[in-house]
């Protein structure tokens, strides 16, 4: 947890568990998913835990009571990753259905879908200021999205259309290369949000300059 008092674990047994970080005591078993729990993340204040699962759902839990708060449904396949925005007001999830979904971080209500990837979306992450989010995919690309409009504002990696080629041309790609030659598995930001790093199955890491002020005519569909 952000304050270091809790540890959360998850596994193929469909359970997430909360532990006391100091004593190692098991505090709560979080039961509700019906298949493997694939990811988990604490809210910024540590009061909630977000879990995603192979059962096609994500769930929000109260970490103080070990009780379920919300069940997020809508993905048509495995939900591989999720994240809270820095202020905790938004949640984003992604999955094997190639879609990204934004949810209200308080009520769990659906806000919008982000579409554009042509493969499994493996991870999603908000920028440090929460205005944008990043996604990485089996389509060999990482993408930056405007949280409010849902539009793609930057693409790191291979281009599949004229619009995407324009976006790629406006991405400062270290080394002058076209990006990953395989699935992109992970992304992280510098503390100031100006740079991103990605890794993939091509066994390479790339560093990118983030430009979330780009304006384009096409976005998510």
Protein backbone atom coordinates (compact mmCIF):
# COMPACT_ATOMS: atom_id res chain seq x y z
CA UNK A 1 0.00 0.00 0.00
CA UNK A 2 1.17 3.60 -0.42
CA UNK A 3 1.88 3.95 3.31
CA UNK A 4 3.66 0.61 3.45
CA UNK A 5 1.32 -0.99 5.99
CA UNK A 6 -0.37 -3.52 3.68
CA UNK A 7 0.78 -6.09 1.17
CA UNK A 8 -1.60 -7.47 -1.46
CA UNK A 9 -1.15 -10.75 -3.32
CA UNK A 10 -3.18 -12.56 -5.95
CA UNK A 11 -3.07 -15.85 -7.80
CA UNK A 12 -4.60 -18.57 -9.91
CA UNK A 13 -6.88 -19.63 -7.04
CA UNK A 14 -9.19 -16.65 -7.86
CA UNK A 15 -8.34 -14.98 -4.54
CA UNK A 16 -6.63 -11.74 -3.60
CA UNK A 17 -5.24 -11.45 -0.09
CA UNK A 18 -4.30 -8.56 2.18
CA UNK A 19 -1.46 -8.96 4.67
CA UNK A 20 0.00 -6.89 7.46
CA UNK A 21 3.33 -5.70 6.06
CA UNK A 22 5.03 -5.63 9.45
CA UNK A 23 3.86 -8.88 11.05
CA UNK A 24 3.10 -10.88 7.91
CA UNK A 25 -0.33 -11.74 9.31
CA UNK A 26 -3.09 -12.52 6.82
CA UNK A 27 -5.79 -9.90 7.33
CA UNK A 28 -8.37 -10.63 4.63
CA UNK A 29 -9.12 -13.09 1.87
CA UNK A 30 -10.87 -11.23 -0.94
CA UNK A 31 -13.18 -13.79 -2.55
CA UNK A 32 -15.43 -13.01 -5.48
CA UNK A 33 -13.58 -13.59 -8.72
CA UNK A 34 -14.28 -16.90 -10.44
CA UNK A 35 -10.95 -17.26 -12.24
CA UNK A 36 -7.31 -16.26 -11.76
CA UNK A 37 -6.65 -12.75 -10.43
CA UNK A 38 -4.19 -11.24 -12.91
CA UNK A 39 -3.32 -7.85 -11.44
CA UNK A 40 -3.92 -5.68 -8.41
CA UNK A 41 -3.20 -2.10 -7.45
CA UNK A 42 -3.93 0.15 -4.49
CA UNK A 43 -5.72 3.46 -4.76
CA UNK A 44 -3.52 6.52 -4.10
CA UNK A 45 -4.78 6.82 -0.50
CA UNK A 46 -4.59 3.06 0.09
CA UNK A 47 -8.25 2.75 1.05
CA UNK A 48 -9.17 0.66 -1.99
CA UNK A 49 -7.70 -2.23 -3.95
CA UNK A 50 -8.42 -2.84 -7.62
CA UNK A 51 -8.20 -6.41 -8.91
CA UNK A 52 -8.51 -7.66 -12.49
CA UNK A 53 -9.24 -11.21 -13.48
CA UNK A 54 -9.39 -13.87 -16.14
CA UNK A 55 -13.13 -14.03 -15.39
CA UNK A 56 -13.58 -10.85 -17.46
CA UNK A 57 -14.24 -8.51 -14.53
CA UNK A 58 -12.45 -6.06 -12.30
CA UNK A 59 -13.38 -5.47 -8.68
CA UNK A 60 -12.85 -2.71 -6.14
CA UNK A 61 -12.34 -3.68 -2.50
CA UNK A 62 -12.33 -1.81 0.80
CA UNK A 63 -8.87 -2.47 2.23
CA UNK A 64 -9.88 -1.48 5.77
CA UNK A 65 -12.73 -3.99 5.98
CA UNK A 66 -11.77 -6.53 3.33
CA UNK A 67 -15.16 -6.18 1.70
CA UNK A 68 -16.20 -5.76 -1.96
CA UNK A 69 -17.29 -2.30 -3.09
CA UNK A 70 -17.88 -2.51 -6.85
CA UNK A 71 -17.80 -5.06 -9.68
CA UNK A 72 -16.74 -3.67 -13.06
CA UNK A 73 -18.17 -5.58 -16.02
CA UNK A 74 -18.00 -5.01 -19.75
CA UNK A 75 -14.81 -6.59 -21.02
CA UNK A 76 -15.42 -9.61 -23.24
CA UNK A 77 -12.29 -11.50 -22.23
CA UNK A 78 -9.48 -11.55 -19.66
CA UNK A 79 -8.92 -8.24 -17.86
CA UNK A 80 -5.15 -8.02 -17.75
CA UNK A 81 -4.38 -4.74 -16.01
CA UNK A 82 -5.90 -1.81 -14.17
CA UNK A 83 -4.87 1.45 -12.55
CA UNK A 84 -6.19 4.35 -10.49
CA UNK A 85 -5.64 7.93 -11.57
CA UNK A 86 -3.37 9.94 -9.26
CA UNK A 87 -6.38 11.62 -7.62
CA UNK A 88 -8.32 8.34 -7.37
CA UNK A 89 -11.27 9.73 -9.34
CA UNK A 90 -10.78 7.50 -12.38
CA UNK A 91 -9.97 3.84 -12.96
CA UNK A 92 -8.72 2.36 -16.21
CA UNK A 93 -8.75 -1.31 -17.22
CA UNK A 94 -7.61 -3.21 -20.30
CA UNK A 95 -7.73 -6.72 -21.60
CA UNK A 96 -7.59 -9.45 -24.18
CA UNK A 97 -10.57 -7.95 -26.04
CA UNK A 98 -8.23 -5.15 -27.27
CA UNK A 99 -10.23 -2.46 -25.48
CA UNK A 100 -9.53 0.02 -22.71
CA UNK A 101 -12.27 1.15 -20.36
CA UNK A 102 -12.39 4.17 -18.07
CA UNK A 103 -14.53 4.03 -14.93
CA UNK A 104 -15.58 6.38 -12.17
CA UNK A 105 -13.18 5.72 -9.31
CA UNK A 106 -15.81 6.45 -6.66
CA UNK A 107 -18.96 4.74 -7.95
CA UNK A 108 -17.43 2.19 -10.31
CA UNK A 109 -19.67 3.47 -13.11
CA UNK A 110 -18.52 3.10 -16.70
CA UNK A 111 -17.32 6.34 -18.32
CA UNK A 112 -16.00 5.50 -21.79
CA UNK A 113 -14.28 2.96 -24.04
CA UNK A 114 -10.99 3.60 -25.82
CA UNK A 115 -10.47 1.66 -29.03
CA UNK A 116 -7.55 1.68 -31.41
CA UNK A 117 -5.23 -1.18 -30.55
CA UNK A 118 -5.22 -4.14 -32.94
CA UNK A 119 -4.17 -6.70 -30.36
CA UNK A 120 -4.34 -7.64 -26.70
CA UNK A 121 -3.81 -4.62 -24.42
CA UNK A 122 -1.45 -5.79 -21.71
CA UNK A 123 -1.08 -2.78 -19.43
CA UNK A 124 -2.55 0.66 -18.80
CA UNK A 125 -1.12 3.46 -16.69
CA UNK A 126 -2.00 7.09 -15.97
CA UNK A 127 0.57 9.83 -16.44
CA UNK A 128 1.76 11.43 -13.19
CA UNK A 129 -0.59 14.40 -13.66
CA UNK A 130 -3.57 12.18 -14.55
CA UNK A 131 -4.47 14.06 -17.73
CA UNK A 132 -3.41 11.24 -20.03
CA UNK A 133 -2.95 7.49 -19.90
CA UNK A 134 -0.71 5.04 -21.68
CA UNK A 135 -1.42 1.55 -22.99
CA UNK A 136 0.85 -1.18 -24.37
CA UNK A 137 -0.23 -3.94 -26.68
CA UNK A 138 0.50 -7.10 -28.61
CA UNK A 139 0.14 -4.95 -31.76
CA UNK A 140 3.76 -3.77 -31.17
CA UNK A 141 2.72 -0.27 -30.09
CA UNK A 142 2.30 1.87 -27.01
CA UNK A 143 -0.28 4.65 -27.16
CA UNK A 144 -1.04 7.82 -25.27
CA UNK A 145 -4.68 8.83 -24.76
CA UNK A 146 -6.34 12.02 -23.59
CA UNK A 147 -8.44 11.02 -20.56
CA UNK A 148 -11.19 13.59 -21.14
CA UNK A 149 -11.71 13.21 -24.90
CA UNK A 150 -10.65 9.58 -25.30
CA UNK A 151 -8.53 10.48 -28.31
CA UNK A 152 -5.15 9.02 -29.17
CA UNK A 153 -2.57 11.78 -28.89
CA UNK A 154 0.64 9.84 -29.48
CA UNK A 155 1.77 6.45 -30.74
CA UNK A 156 5.10 4.83 -29.94
CA UNK A 157 5.90 2.15 -32.49
CA UNK A 158 4.71 0.74 -35.81
CA UNK A 159 2.21 2.68 -37.91
CA UNK A 160 -0.77 0.99 -39.57
CA UNK A 161 -2.57 4.00 -41.09
CA UNK A 162 -1.94 7.53 -42.32
CA UNK A 163 -3.19 9.00 -39.05
CA UNK A 164 -1.00 6.69 -37.03
CA UNK A 165 1.98 7.51 -39.25
CA UNK A 166 1.41 11.22 -38.49
CA UNK A 167 1.25 10.48 -34.79
CA UNK A 168 4.41 8.42 -34.94
CA UNK A 169 6.20 11.18 -36.82
CA UNK A 170 5.38 13.52 -33.92
CA UNK A 171 6.86 11.12 -31.36
CA UNK A 172 10.51 11.72 -30.49
CA UNK A 173 11.86 8.19 -30.81
CA UNK A 174 15.31 7.66 -29.36
CA UNK A 175 17.77 6.26 -31.87
CA UNK A 176 15.55 7.09 -34.86
CA UNK A 177 14.02 3.61 -34.98
CA UNK A 178 10.46 2.54 -35.60
CA UNK A 179 10.02 1.04 -32.16
CA UNK A 180 9.46 -2.49 -30.92
CA UNK A 181 9.58 -5.46 -33.27
CA UNK A 182 7.37 -7.52 -30.96
CA UNK A 183 4.64 -7.30 -28.35
CA UNK A 184 5.01 -4.43 -25.89
CA UNK A 185 4.66 -5.67 -22.33
CA UNK A 186 5.23 -2.74 -19.98
CA UNK A 187 5.56 1.02 -19.73
CA UNK A 188 6.59 3.46 -17.03
CA UNK A 189 6.97 7.23 -16.80
CA UNK A 190 9.61 9.53 -15.41
CA UNK A 191 8.47 11.43 -12.32
CA UNK A 192 7.78 14.57 -14.33
CA UNK A 193 5.84 12.63 -16.98
CA UNK A 194 7.97 13.96 -19.83
CA UNK A 195 9.54 10.62 -20.72
CA UNK A 196 8.30 7.05 -21.03
CA UNK A 197 10.14 3.74 -21.19
CA UNK A 198 8.76 0.59 -22.80
CA UNK A 199 9.92 -3.04 -22.97
CA UNK A 200 8.79 -5.88 -25.20
CA UNK A 201 9.28 -9.40 -26.46
CA UNK A 202 12.02 -8.15 -28.79
CA UNK A 203 14.21 -7.95 -25.66
CA UNK A 204 14.68 -4.21 -26.10
CA UNK A 205 13.86 -1.16 -24.01
CA UNK A 206 12.95 2.13 -25.65
CA UNK A 207 12.84 5.63 -24.23
CA UNK A 208 10.36 8.13 -25.62
CA UNK A 209 9.61 11.80 -25.23
CA UNK A 210 5.97 12.24 -24.23
CA UNK A 211 3.94 14.81 -26.13
CA UNK A 212 0.35 14.88 -24.94
CA UNK A 213 -0.37 18.29 -26.50
CA UNK A 214 -0.61 16.93 -30.03
CA UNK A 215 -3.87 17.68 -31.85
CA UNK A 216 -5.16 15.21 -34.42
CA UNK A 217 -8.41 14.78 -36.29
CA UNK A 218 -8.87 11.08 -35.57
CA UNK A 219 -8.99 9.30 -32.25
CA UNK A 220 -10.68 6.35 -30.65
CA UNK A 221 -13.65 4.81 -32.35
